[in-house]
Amino acid sequence: MSLVRIFKSAFVLGLLLLIFVSHLQGDAQTRERLSDPQTVSEGAKLFGTNCGNAYCHGTGGMGGGAPRLRGKGIDEEYAFKAISNGVPGTSMPSFKTELSEEQIRKLIAFIVSDAKTNPGSSNTPAANFSPDSRSPLPAKRSEADLTVTSVGDAQAGKALFFDSSRSKSCYSCHQFNGEGTAIGPDLTSIAANKSARDLFLNIILPRDVKDSRYTTITVSLRNGDRVIGIKKEEDSESLKVFDTTELPAVLRTLQKENILKIETSSVSAMPNDYSSLFTVKQFLDLVTFLKSSQANSRVLLKDLFQ
């Protein structure tokens, strides 16, 4: 064998060895990052906000309307793809436009962590599922006779939408068919163009704001106060803001001379705790009401999950 061929063989072998070692180091770094307590803790907070309600994967990822995740030996890369792209044929949406890659990695760190020792652990039992495995039903159901073929009641949904006894009533921020308050988007056309499932998910998992008219702003005043809400209008001297710090929102007029700075955020001002405020039947009725302007407005419970 010539010296050239020996050199080439040694070079290729060394390169393969380098790749192999780098791969092992990468795996070790990944495992170290996923097991970092701070990363797991931050992932637990993200999970609680985005995935931890009863209609999704439940408290601590131990099962809710969707399957239990923790303690299942889930592959990290599979989890990354599922969270980023969603899971076709299920109620699992894509989060790649809502969360950064780093945030998704933190979520995964929490999911693959030891459920017995890490933040967010829970002994909540796994959910019961409907016969159609693509349409998991929430574990907590307010009516014992509720089934996948249960039909929503538009009148009950209308009463819920315009319920003035609730501080977070829908009509206090939205309009439907000309009735309600024009703070957030008018739901008339939105509801007509979205499926029952998408409407349901938009209620329990508020998304980032796409329309600049409803961007959340934080106004810092020179006296140290902060006003968080949605801008209504402004002129050369003042700024009018719907203060959504507490609901129902209050329209406040802020003099520009008193404003220190204004920051914007794509995070919706819509409350993110409706999953704990409404029952499954109420969600079904509410979505049915929102779809009631269409000719075929009949909504079944299973329509919310598929």
C-alpha atoms as a PDB file:
ATOM      1  CA  MET A   1       0.000   0.000   0.000  1.00  0.00           C
ATOM      2  CA  SER A   2       1.428   3.402  -0.961  1.00  0.00           C
ATOM      3  CA  LEU A   3       2.064   6.127   1.582  1.00  0.00           C
ATOM      4  CA  VAL A   4      -0.650   8.244  -0.053  1.00  0.00           C
ATOM      5  CA  ARG A   5      -3.278   5.529   0.393  1.00  0.00           C
ATOM      6  CA  ILE A   6      -2.174   4.943   3.981  1.00  0.00           C
ATOM      7  CA  PHE A   7      -2.423   8.663   4.653  1.00  0.00           C
ATOM      8  CA  LYS A   8      -5.916   8.836   3.113  1.00  0.00           C
ATOM      9  CA  SER A   9      -7.104   5.831   5.122  1.00  0.00           C
ATOM     10  CA  ALA A  10      -5.727   7.304   8.341  1.00  0.00           C
ATOM     11  CA  PHE A  11      -7.340  10.659   7.548  1.00  0.00           C
ATOM     12  CA  VAL A  12     -10.764   9.097   6.906  1.00  0.00           C
ATOM     13  CA  LEU A  13     -10.510   6.995  10.065  1.00  0.00           C
ATOM     14  CA  GLY A  14      -9.530  10.052  12.095  1.00  0.00           C
ATOM     15  CA  LEU A  15     -12.408  12.043  10.625  1.00  0.00           C
ATOM     16  CA  LEU A  16     -14.905   9.310  11.462  1.00  0.00           C
ATOM     17  CA  LEU A  17     -13.515   9.094  14.977  1.00  0.00           C
ATOM     18  CA  LEU A  18     -13.812  12.882  15.350  1.00  0.00           C
ATOM     19  CA  ILE A  19     -17.432  12.802  14.188  1.00  0.00           C
ATOM     20  CA  PHE A  20     -18.189   9.938  16.569  1.00  0.00           C
ATOM     21  CA  VAL A  21     -16.607  11.731  19.531  1.00  0.00           C
ATOM     22  CA  SER A  22     -18.398  14.982  18.646  1.00  0.00           C
ATOM     23  CA  HIS A  23     -21.678  13.087  18.492  1.00  0.00           C
ATOM     24  CA  LEU A  24     -21.071  11.612  21.935  1.00  0.00           C
ATOM     25  CA  GLN A  25     -20.156  15.025  23.300  1.00  0.00           C
ATOM     26  CA  GLY A  26     -23.295  16.507  21.763  1.00  0.00           C
ATOM     27  CA  ASP A  27     -25.450  13.812  23.356  1.00  0.00           C
ATOM     28  CA  ALA A  28     -23.762  14.422  26.709  1.00  0.00           C
ATOM     29  CA  GLN A  29     -24.312  18.176  26.429  1.00  0.00           C
ATOM     30  CA  THR A  30     -27.949  17.617  25.487  1.00  0.00           C
ATOM     31  CA  ARG A  31     -28.492  15.314  28.459  1.00  0.00           C
ATOM     32  CA  GLU A  32     -26.760  17.808  30.753  1.00  0.00           C
ATOM     33  CA  ARG A  33     -28.893  20.669  29.432  1.00  0.00           C
ATOM     34  CA  LEU A  34     -32.139  18.689  29.769  1.00  0.00           C
ATOM     35  CA  SER A  35     -31.324  17.727  33.358  1.00  0.00           C
ATOM     36  CA  ASP A  36     -30.389  21.239  34.489  1.00  0.00           C
ATOM     37  CA  PRO A  37     -32.751  22.123  37.400  1.00  0.00           C
ATOM     38  CA  GLN A  38     -33.154  25.726  36.251  1.00  0.00           C
ATOM     39  CA  THR A  39     -34.064  24.626  32.722  1.00  0.00           C
ATOM     40  CA  VAL A  40     -36.560  22.095  34.076  1.00  0.00           C
ATOM     41  CA  SER A  41     -38.093  24.727  36.352  1.00  0.00           C
ATOM     42  CA  GLU A  42     -38.494  27.208  33.494  1.00  0.00           C
ATOM     43  CA  GLY A  43     -39.957  24.435  31.349  1.00  0.00           C
ATOM     44  CA  ALA A  44     -42.484  23.667  34.091  1.00  0.00           C
ATOM     45  CA  LYS A  45     -43.713  27.271  33.997  1.00  0.00           C
ATOM     46  CA  LEU A  46     -44.051  27.186  30.212  1.00  0.00           C
ATOM     47  CA  PHE A  47     -45.870  23.862  30.426  1.00  0.00           C
ATOM     48  CA  GLY A  48     -48.317  25.185  33.015  1.00  0.00           C
ATOM     49  CA  THR A  49     -49.204  28.159  30.814  1.00  0.00           C
ATOM     50  CA  ASN A  50     -49.450  26.378  27.454  1.00  0.00           C
ATOM     51  CA  CYS A  51     -50.156  22.711  28.128  1.00  0.00           C
ATOM     52  CA  GLY A  52     -51.138  22.136  31.751  1.00  0.00           C
ATOM     53  CA  ASN A  53     -54.875  22.738  31.827  1.00  0.00           C
ATOM     54  CA  ALA A  54     -57.466  19.991  32.185  1.00  0.00           C
ATOM     55  CA  TYR A  55     -58.317  20.088  28.475  1.00  0.00           C
ATOM     56  CA  CYS A  56     -54.729  19.433  27.439  1.00  0.00           C
ATOM     57  CA  HIS A  57     -52.066  17.359  29.194  1.00  0.00           C
ATOM     58  CA  GLY A  58     -53.129  18.165  32.748  1.00  0.00           C
ATOM     59  CA  THR A  59     -51.330  19.466  35.813  1.00  0.00           C
ATOM     60  CA  GLY A  60     -47.691  18.431  35.776  1.00  0.00           C
ATOM     61  CA  GLY A  61     -48.153  16.664  32.430  1.00  0.00           C
ATOM     62  CA  MET A  62     -49.794  13.699  34.155  1.00  0.00           C
ATOM     63  CA  GLY A  63     -52.792  13.581  31.859  1.00  0.00           C
ATOM     64  CA  GLY A  64     -55.927  15.605  31.199  1.00  0.00           C
ATOM     65  CA  GLY A  65     -58.026  15.740  28.047  1.00  0.00           C
ATOM     66  CA  ALA A  66     -54.845  14.792  26.180  1.00  0.00           C
ATOM     67  CA  PRO A  67     -52.469  11.928  27.102  1.00  0.00           C
ATOM     68  CA  ARG A  68     -50.050  11.838  29.992  1.00  0.00           C
ATOM     69  CA  LEU A  69     -46.549  12.911  28.918  1.00  0.00           C
ATOM     70  CA  ARG A  70     -44.227  12.616  31.888  1.00  0.00           C
ATOM     71  CA  GLY A  71     -42.767   9.304  32.937  1.00  0.00           C
ATOM     72  CA  LYS A  72     -43.432   7.832  29.484  1.00  0.00           C
ATOM     73  CA  GLY A  73     -39.839   7.802  28.212  1.00  0.00           C
ATOM     74  CA  ILE A  74     -40.663  10.153  25.337  1.00  0.00           C
ATOM     75  CA  ASP A  75     -37.854  10.723  22.817  1.00  0.00           C
ATOM     76  CA  GLU A  76     -36.574  14.307  22.939  1.00  0.00           C
ATOM     77  CA  GLU A  77     -36.404  14.845  19.175  1.00  0.00           C
ATOM     78  CA  TYR A  78     -39.858  13.347  18.644  1.00  0.00           C
ATOM     79  CA  ALA A  79     -41.192  15.697  21.311  1.00  0.00           C
ATOM     80  CA  PHE A  80     -39.486  18.660  19.635  1.00  0.00           C
ATOM     81  CA  LYS A  81     -41.104  17.887  16.270  1.00  0.00           C
ATOM     82  CA  ALA A  82     -44.536  17.267  17.848  1.00  0.00           C
ATOM     83  CA  ILE A  83     -44.480  20.527  19.798  1.00  0.00           C
ATOM     84  CA  SER A  84     -43.102  22.528  16.868  1.00  0.00           C
ATOM     85  CA  ASN A  85     -45.346  21.140  14.124  1.00  0.00           C
ATOM     86  CA  GLY A  86     -48.353  19.780  15.996  1.00  0.00           C
ATOM     87  CA  VAL A  87     -49.770  16.276  15.536  1.00  0.00           C
ATOM     88  CA  PRO A  88     -52.054  15.818  12.496  1.00  0.00           C
ATOM     89  CA  GLY A  89     -55.422  14.219  13.232  1.00  0.00           C
ATOM     90  CA  THR A  90     -55.401  15.310  16.896  1.00  0.00           C
ATOM     91  CA  SER A  91     -56.122  18.455  18.906  1.00  0.00           C
ATOM     92  CA  MET A  92     -52.382  19.088  19.358  1.00  0.00           C
ATOM     93  CA  PRO A  93     -51.600  22.450  17.665  1.00  0.00           C
ATOM     94  CA  SER A  94     -48.286  23.717  16.345  1.00  0.00           C
ATOM     95  CA  PHE A  95     -46.298  25.970  18.687  1.00  0.00           C
ATOM     96  CA  LYS A  96     -43.441  26.929  16.354  1.00  0.00           C
ATOM     97  CA  THR A  97     -44.862  30.420  15.866  1.00  0.00           C
ATOM     98  CA  GLU A  98     -45.716  30.813  19.560  1.00  0.00           C
ATOM     99  CA  LEU A  99     -42.553  29.551  21.268  1.00  0.00           C
ATOM    100  CA  SER A 100     -38.880  29.927  20.431  1.00  0.00           C
ATOM    101  CA  GLU A 101     -36.672  26.869  19.928  1.00  0.00           C
ATOM    102  CA  GLU A 102     -35.092  27.521  23.320  1.00  0.00           C
ATOM    103  CA  GLN A 103     -38.508  27.607  24.998  1.00  0.00           C
ATOM    104  CA  ILE A 104     -39.514  24.349  23.305  1.00  0.00           C
ATOM    105  CA  ARG A 105     -36.280  22.739  24.542  1.00  0.00           C
ATOM    106  CA  LYS A 106     -37.135  23.892  28.064  1.00  0.00           C
ATOM    107  CA  LEU A 107     -40.580  22.368  27.711  1.00  0.00           C
ATOM    108  CA  ILE A 108     -38.979  19.092  26.683  1.00  0.00           C
ATOM    109  CA  ALA A 109     -36.590  19.241  29.653  1.00  0.00           C
ATOM    110  CA  PHE A 110     -39.625  19.359  31.930  1.00  0.00           C
ATOM    111  CA  ILE A 111     -41.495  16.632  30.046  1.00  0.00           C
ATOM    112  CA  VAL A 112     -38.601  14.140  30.203  1.00  0.00           C
ATOM    113  CA  SER A 113     -37.722  14.998  33.822  1.00  0.00           C
ATOM    114  CA  ASP A 114     -38.534  12.725  36.743  1.00  0.00           C
ATOM    115  CA  ALA A 115     -42.186  13.354  37.600  1.00  0.00           C
ATOM    116  CA  LYS A 116     -41.565  12.257  41.204  1.00  0.00           C
ATOM    117  CA  THR A 117     -38.864  14.775  42.008  1.00  0.00           C
ATOM    118  CA  ASN A 118     -39.119  17.741  39.645  1.00  0.00           C
ATOM    119  CA  PRO A 119     -41.413  20.806  39.531  1.00  0.00           C
ATOM    120  CA  GLY A 120     -44.932  20.326  38.304  1.00  0.00           C
ATOM    121  CA  SER A 121     -45.246  16.719  39.462  1.00  0.00           C
ATOM    122  CA  SER A 122     -48.724  15.528  40.226  1.00  0.00           C
ATOM    123  CA  ASN A 123     -50.579  12.374  41.078  1.00  0.00           C
ATOM    124  CA  THR A 124     -53.489  13.372  38.887  1.00  0.00           C
ATOM    125  CA  PRO A 125     -54.752  10.221  37.144  1.00  0.00           C
ATOM    126  CA  ALA A 126     -54.676   9.955  33.388  1.00  0.00           C
ATOM    127  CA  ALA A 127     -57.776  11.042  31.523  1.00  0.00           C
ATOM    128  CA  ASN A 128     -60.532   8.882  30.145  1.00  0.00           C
ATOM    129  CA  PHE A 129     -60.729   8.887  26.368  1.00  0.00           C
ATOM    130  CA  SER A 130     -63.555   8.721  23.915  1.00  0.00           C
ATOM    131  CA  PRO A 131     -63.930   5.712  21.592  1.00  0.00           C
ATOM    132  CA  ASP A 132     -62.362   7.853  18.871  1.00  0.00           C
ATOM    133  CA  SER A 133     -58.727   8.018  20.012  1.00  0.00           C
ATOM    134  CA  ARG A 134     -58.168  11.161  17.956  1.00  0.00           C
ATOM    135  CA  SER A 135     -60.710  13.030  20.090  1.00  0.00           C
ATOM    136  CA  PRO A 136     -59.712  12.865  23.759  1.00  0.00           C
ATOM    137  CA  LEU A 137     -62.396  14.097  26.130  1.00  0.00           C
ATOM    138  CA  PRO A 138     -61.515  16.194  29.169  1.00  0.00           C
ATOM    139  CA  ALA A 139     -61.324  14.198  32.375  1.00  0.00           C
ATOM    140  CA  LYS A 140     -63.501  16.715  34.227  1.00  0.00           C
ATOM    141  CA  ARG A 141     -67.004  16.704  32.800  1.00  0.00           C
ATOM    142  CA  SER A 142     -69.793  18.628  34.468  1.00  0.00           C
ATOM    143  CA  GLU A 143     -72.604  16.474  33.063  1.00  0.00           C
ATOM    144  CA  ALA A 144     -72.494  12.706  33.500  1.00  0.00           C
ATOM    145  CA  ASP A 145     -74.508  12.114  30.337  1.00  0.00           C
ATOM    146  CA  LEU A 146     -72.276  14.201  28.061  1.00  0.00           C
ATOM    147  CA  THR A 147     -71.163  12.162  25.035  1.00  0.00           C
ATOM    148  CA  VAL A 148     -69.235  12.792  21.832  1.00  0.00           C
ATOM    149  CA  THR A 149     -72.554  13.251  20.005  1.00  0.00           C
ATOM    150  CA  SER A 150     -73.946  15.793  22.474  1.00  0.00           C
ATOM    151  CA  VAL A 151     -75.243  18.884  20.642  1.00  0.00           C
ATOM    152  CA  GLY A 152     -74.514  22.433  21.764  1.00  0.00           C
ATOM    153  CA  ASP A 153     -77.261  24.847  22.789  1.00  0.00           C
ATOM    154  CA  ALA A 154     -76.894  28.214  21.019  1.00  0.00           C
ATOM    155  CA  GLN A 155     -79.254  29.991  23.432  1.00  0.00           C
ATOM    156  CA  ALA A 156     -77.279  28.772  26.437  1.00  0.00           C
ATOM    157  CA  GLY A 157     -74.099  29.866  24.675  1.00  0.00           C
ATOM    158  CA  LYS A 158     -75.557  33.325  24.041  1.00  0.00           C
ATOM    159  CA  ALA A 159     -76.458  33.668  27.719  1.00  0.00           C
ATOM    160  CA  LEU A 160     -72.878  32.721  28.617  1.00  0.00           C
ATOM    161  CA  PHE A 161     -71.389  35.148  26.070  1.00  0.00           C
ATOM    162  CA  PHE A 162     -73.440  38.058  27.485  1.00  0.00           C
ATOM    163  CA  ASP A 163     -73.312  37.009  31.146  1.00  0.00           C
ATOM    164  CA  SER A 164     -72.821  40.324  32.997  1.00  0.00           C
ATOM    165  CA  SER A 165     -72.209  38.526  36.311  1.00  0.00           C
ATOM    166  CA  ARG A 166     -68.815  37.339  35.072  1.00  0.00           C
ATOM    167  CA  SER A 167     -65.893  39.760  35.143  1.00  0.00           C
ATOM    168  CA  LYS A 168     -64.365  37.874  32.205  1.00  0.00           C
ATOM    169  CA  SER A 169     -67.548  37.665  30.169  1.00  0.00           C
ATOM    170  CA  CYS A 170     -66.917  37.540  26.425  1.00  0.00           C
ATOM    171  CA  TYR A 171     -69.107  40.525  25.544  1.00  0.00           C
ATOM    172  CA  SER A 172     -67.064  42.853  27.776  1.00  0.00           C
ATOM    173  CA  CYS A 173     -64.280  42.740  25.151  1.00  0.00           C
ATOM    174  CA  HIS A 174     -65.853  41.368  21.953  1.00  0.00           C
ATOM    175  CA  GLN A 175     -68.796  42.060  19.688  1.00  0.00           C
ATOM    176  CA  PHE A 176     -70.971  39.476  17.971  1.00  0.00           C
ATOM    177  CA  ASN A 177     -73.611  40.460  15.402  1.00  0.00           C
ATOM    178  CA  GLY A 178     -73.361  44.102  16.480  1.00  0.00           C
ATOM    179  CA  GLU A 179     -73.740  43.478  20.214  1.00  0.00           C
ATOM    180  CA  GLY A 180     -70.959  43.703  22.801  1.00  0.00           C
ATOM    181  CA  THR A 181     -67.879  45.874  23.317  1.00  0.00           C
ATOM    182  CA  ALA A 182     -65.343  46.758  20.614  1.00  0.00           C
ATOM    183  CA  ILE A 183     -62.102  46.232  22.527  1.00  0.00           C
ATOM    184  CA  GLY A 184     -60.905  42.960  21.022  1.00  0.00           C
ATOM    185  CA  PRO A 185     -61.705  41.568  17.553  1.00  0.00           C
ATOM    186  CA  ASP A 186     -65.300  41.354  16.305  1.00  0.00           C
ATOM    187  CA  LEU A 187     -66.101  37.646  16.504  1.00  0.00           C
ATOM    188  CA  THR A 188     -68.887  37.606  13.911  1.00  0.00           C
ATOM    189  CA  SER A 189     -66.746  37.014  10.825  1.00  0.00           C
ATOM    190  CA  ILE A 190     -63.982  35.252  12.750  1.00  0.00           C
ATOM    191  CA  ALA A 191     -66.391  32.612  14.021  1.00  0.00           C
ATOM    192  CA  ALA A 192     -67.880  32.141  10.557  1.00  0.00           C
ATOM    193  CA  ASN A 193     -64.452  31.410   9.057  1.00  0.00           C
ATOM    194  CA  LYS A 194     -63.085  29.119  11.767  1.00  0.00           C
ATOM    195  CA  SER A 195     -63.945  25.535  12.588  1.00  0.00           C
ATOM    196  CA  ALA A 196     -65.536  24.653  15.920  1.00  0.00           C
ATOM    197  CA  ARG A 197     -62.239  23.069  16.972  1.00  0.00           C
ATOM    198  CA  ASP A 198     -60.218  26.187  16.138  1.00  0.00           C
ATOM    199  CA  LEU A 199     -62.642  28.413  18.053  1.00  0.00           C
ATOM    200  CA  PHE A 200     -62.387  26.131  21.072  1.00  0.00           C
ATOM    201  CA  LEU A 201     -58.583  26.120  20.956  1.00  0.00           C
ATOM    202  CA  ASN A 202     -58.472  29.907  20.528  1.00  0.00           C
ATOM    203  CA  ILE A 203     -60.481  30.289  23.730  1.00  0.00           C
ATOM    204  CA  ILE A 204     -58.466  27.934  25.935  1.00  0.00           C
ATOM    205  CA  LEU A 205     -55.100  28.679  24.289  1.00  0.00           C
ATOM    206  CA  PRO A 206     -55.021  32.371  23.326  1.00  0.00           C
ATOM    207  CA  ARG A 207     -52.450  32.948  20.593  1.00  0.00           C
ATOM    208  CA  ASP A 208     -50.135  35.812  19.738  1.00  0.00           C
ATOM    209  CA  VAL A 209     -51.894  38.821  18.284  1.00  0.00           C
ATOM    210  CA  LYS A 210     -51.615  39.094  14.493  1.00  0.00           C
ATOM    211  CA  ASP A 211     -53.669  42.277  14.040  1.00  0.00           C
ATOM    212  CA  SER A 212     -51.776  45.392  15.174  1.00  0.00           C
ATOM    213  CA  ARG A 213     -55.066  47.011  16.239  1.00  0.00           C
ATOM    214  CA  TYR A 214     -55.218  44.628  19.191  1.00  0.00           C
ATOM    215  CA  THR A 215     -51.571  44.613  20.200  1.00  0.00           C
ATOM    216  CA  THR A 216     -51.011  44.656  23.947  1.00  0.00           C
ATOM    217  CA  ILE A 217     -49.145  47.736  25.119  1.00  0.00           C
ATOM    218  CA  THR A 218     -47.527  48.561  28.453  1.00  0.00           C
ATOM    219  CA  VAL A 219     -47.426  52.267  29.258  1.00  0.00           C
ATOM    220  CA  SER A 220     -44.943  53.274  31.953  1.00  0.00           C
ATOM    221  CA  LEU A 221     -45.807  56.561  33.622  1.00  0.00           C
ATOM    222  CA  ARG A 222     -43.413  59.002  35.236  1.00  0.00           C
ATOM    223  CA  ASN A 223     -45.018  58.451  38.640  1.00  0.00           C
ATOM    224  CA  GLY A 224     -44.068  54.763  38.521  1.00  0.00           C
ATOM    225  CA  ASP A 225     -47.486  53.384  37.528  1.00  0.00           C
ATOM    226  CA  ARG A 226     -47.952  51.038  34.574  1.00  0.00           C
ATOM    227  CA  VAL A 227     -51.014  50.619  32.399  1.00  0.00           C
ATOM    228  CA  ILE A 228     -51.366  47.402  30.396  1.00  0.00           C
ATOM    229  CA  GLY A 229     -54.010  47.100  27.730  1.00  0.00           C
ATOM    230  CA  ILE A 230     -55.080  47.880  24.184  1.00  0.00           C
ATOM    231  CA  LYS A 231     -54.800  51.300  22.568  1.00  0.00           C
ATOM    232  CA  LYS A 232     -58.079  52.856  21.498  1.00  0.00           C
ATOM    233  CA  GLU A 233     -56.872  56.135  20.011  1.00  0.00           C
ATOM    234  CA  GLU A 234     -54.428  58.996  20.471  1.00  0.00           C
ATOM    235  CA  ASP A 235     -53.878  62.609  19.553  1.00  0.00           C
ATOM    236  CA  SER A 236     -51.027  65.052  19.993  1.00  0.00           C
ATOM    237  CA  GLU A 237     -51.636  65.393  23.734  1.00  0.00           C
ATOM    238  CA  SER A 238     -53.142  62.161  25.018  1.00  0.00           C
ATOM    239  CA  LEU A 239     -53.402  58.410  24.622  1.00  0.00           C
ATOM    240  CA  LYS A 240     -56.576  56.435  25.341  1.00  0.00           C
ATOM    241  CA  VAL A 241     -56.036  52.857  26.486  1.00  0.00           C
ATOM    242  CA  PHE A 242     -58.413  50.075  27.477  1.00  0.00           C
ATOM    243  CA  ASP A 243     -56.795  48.998  30.745  1.00  0.00           C
ATOM    244  CA  THR A 244     -57.076  45.180  30.829  1.00  0.00           C
ATOM    245  CA  THR A 245     -55.151  44.723  34.079  1.00  0.00           C
ATOM    246  CA  GLU A 246     -58.509  43.816  35.608  1.00  0.00           C
ATOM    247  CA  LEU A 247     -61.675  42.923  33.734  1.00  0.00           C
ATOM    248  CA  PRO A 248     -64.003  44.288  32.626  1.00  0.00           C
ATOM    249  CA  ALA A 249     -61.563  46.711  31.023  1.00  0.00           C
ATOM    250  CA  VAL A 250     -61.616  50.428  31.854  1.00  0.00           C
ATOM    251  CA  LEU A 251     -60.908  53.139  29.276  1.00  0.00           C
ATOM    252  CA  ARG A 252     -58.175  55.427  30.589  1.00  0.00           C
ATOM    253  CA  THR A 253     -56.932  58.708  29.124  1.00  0.00           C
ATOM    254  CA  LEU A 254     -53.212  59.239  29.658  1.00  0.00           C
ATOM    255  CA  GLN A 255     -51.555  62.590  29.079  1.00  0.00           C
ATOM    256  CA  LYS A 256     -48.460  62.156  26.928  1.00  0.00           C
ATOM    257  CA  GLU A 257     -46.445  64.487  29.111  1.00  0.00           C
ATOM    258  CA  ASN A 258     -46.819  61.920  31.904  1.00  0.00           C
ATOM    259  CA  ILE A 259     -45.728  58.941  29.784  1.00  0.00           C
ATOM    260  CA  LEU A 260     -42.176  57.678  30.235  1.00  0.00           C
ATOM    261  CA  LYS A 261     -42.233  54.895  27.641  1.00  0.00           C
ATOM    262  CA  ILE A 262     -44.533  52.590  25.694  1.00  0.00           C
ATOM    263  CA  GLU A 263     -43.720  48.924  25.032  1.00  0.00           C
ATOM    264  CA  THR A 264     -45.608  46.547  22.755  1.00  0.00           C
ATOM    265  CA  SER A 265     -46.132  42.804  23.020  1.00  0.00           C
ATOM    266  CA  SER A 266     -47.604  40.209  20.681  1.00  0.00           C
ATOM    267  CA  VAL A 267     -49.051  38.322  23.670  1.00  0.00           C
ATOM    268  CA  SER A 268     -52.839  38.541  23.662  1.00  0.00           C
ATOM    269  CA  ALA A 269     -54.582  40.481  26.426  1.00  0.00           C
ATOM    270  CA  MET A 270     -57.235  37.753  26.470  1.00  0.00           C
ATOM    271  CA  PRO A 271     -57.368  35.812  29.768  1.00  0.00           C
ATOM    272  CA  ASN A 272     -55.674  32.406  29.600  1.00  0.00           C
ATOM    273  CA  ASP A 273     -57.646  30.682  32.360  1.00  0.00           C
ATOM    274  CA  TYR A 274     -60.979  29.982  30.683  1.00  0.00           C
ATOM    275  CA  SER A 275     -60.241  26.262  30.862  1.00  0.00           C
ATOM    276  CA  SER A 276     -60.722  26.490  34.632  1.00  0.00           C
ATOM    277  CA  LEU A 277     -63.734  28.837  34.436  1.00  0.00           C
ATOM    278  CA  PHE A 278     -66.005  27.022  31.968  1.00  0.00           C
ATOM    279  CA  THR A 279     -67.283  23.453  31.924  1.00  0.00           C
ATOM    280  CA  VAL A 280     -67.091  21.292  28.818  1.00  0.00           C
ATOM    281  CA  LYS A 281     -70.827  21.785  28.225  1.00  0.00           C
ATOM    282  CA  GLN A 282     -70.402  25.550  28.467  1.00  0.00           C
ATOM    283  CA  PHE A 283     -67.612  25.489  25.890  1.00  0.00           C
ATOM    284  CA  LEU A 284     -69.835  23.428  23.587  1.00  0.00           C
ATOM    285  CA  ASP A 285     -72.715  25.884  24.011  1.00  0.00           C
ATOM    286  CA  LEU A 286     -70.472  28.922  23.542  1.00  0.00           C
ATOM    287  CA  VAL A 287     -68.921  27.606  20.313  1.00  0.00           C
ATOM    288  CA  THR A 288     -72.394  26.649  19.050  1.00  0.00           C
ATOM    289  CA  PHE A 289     -73.562  30.226  19.647  1.00  0.00           C
ATOM    290  CA  LEU A 290     -70.546  31.633  17.807  1.00  0.00           C
ATOM    291  CA  LYS A 291     -71.323  29.364  14.851  1.00  0.00           C
ATOM    292  CA  SER A 292     -75.059  30.151  14.972  1.00  0.00           C
ATOM    293  CA  SER A 293     -74.940  32.738  12.169  1.00  0.00           C
ATOM    294  CA  GLN A 294     -74.117  29.982   9.690  1.00  0.00           C
ATOM    295  CA  ALA A 295     -76.772  27.946   7.928  1.00  0.00           C
ATOM    296  CA  ASN A 296     -75.443  24.669   9.349  1.00  0.00           C
ATOM    297  CA  SER A 297     -74.693  25.723  12.911  1.00  0.00           C
ATOM    298  CA  ARG A 298     -75.135  22.326  14.581  1.00  0.00           C
ATOM    299  CA  VAL A 299     -72.050  21.610  16.700  1.00  0.00           C
ATOM    300  CA  LEU A 300     -71.339  18.293  18.395  1.00  0.00           C
ATOM    301  CA  LEU A 301     -68.966  17.787  21.281  1.00  0.00           C
ATOM    302  CA  LYS A 302     -66.656  15.737  19.070  1.00  0.00           C
ATOM    303  CA  ASP A 303     -66.365  18.733  16.702  1.00  0.00           C
ATOM    304  CA  LEU A 304     -64.370  20.549  19.390  1.00  0.00           C
ATOM    305  CA  PHE A 305     -61.678  17.867  19.323  1.00  0.00           C
ATOM    306  CA  GLN A 306     -61.293  16.909  15.670  1.00  0.00           C
END
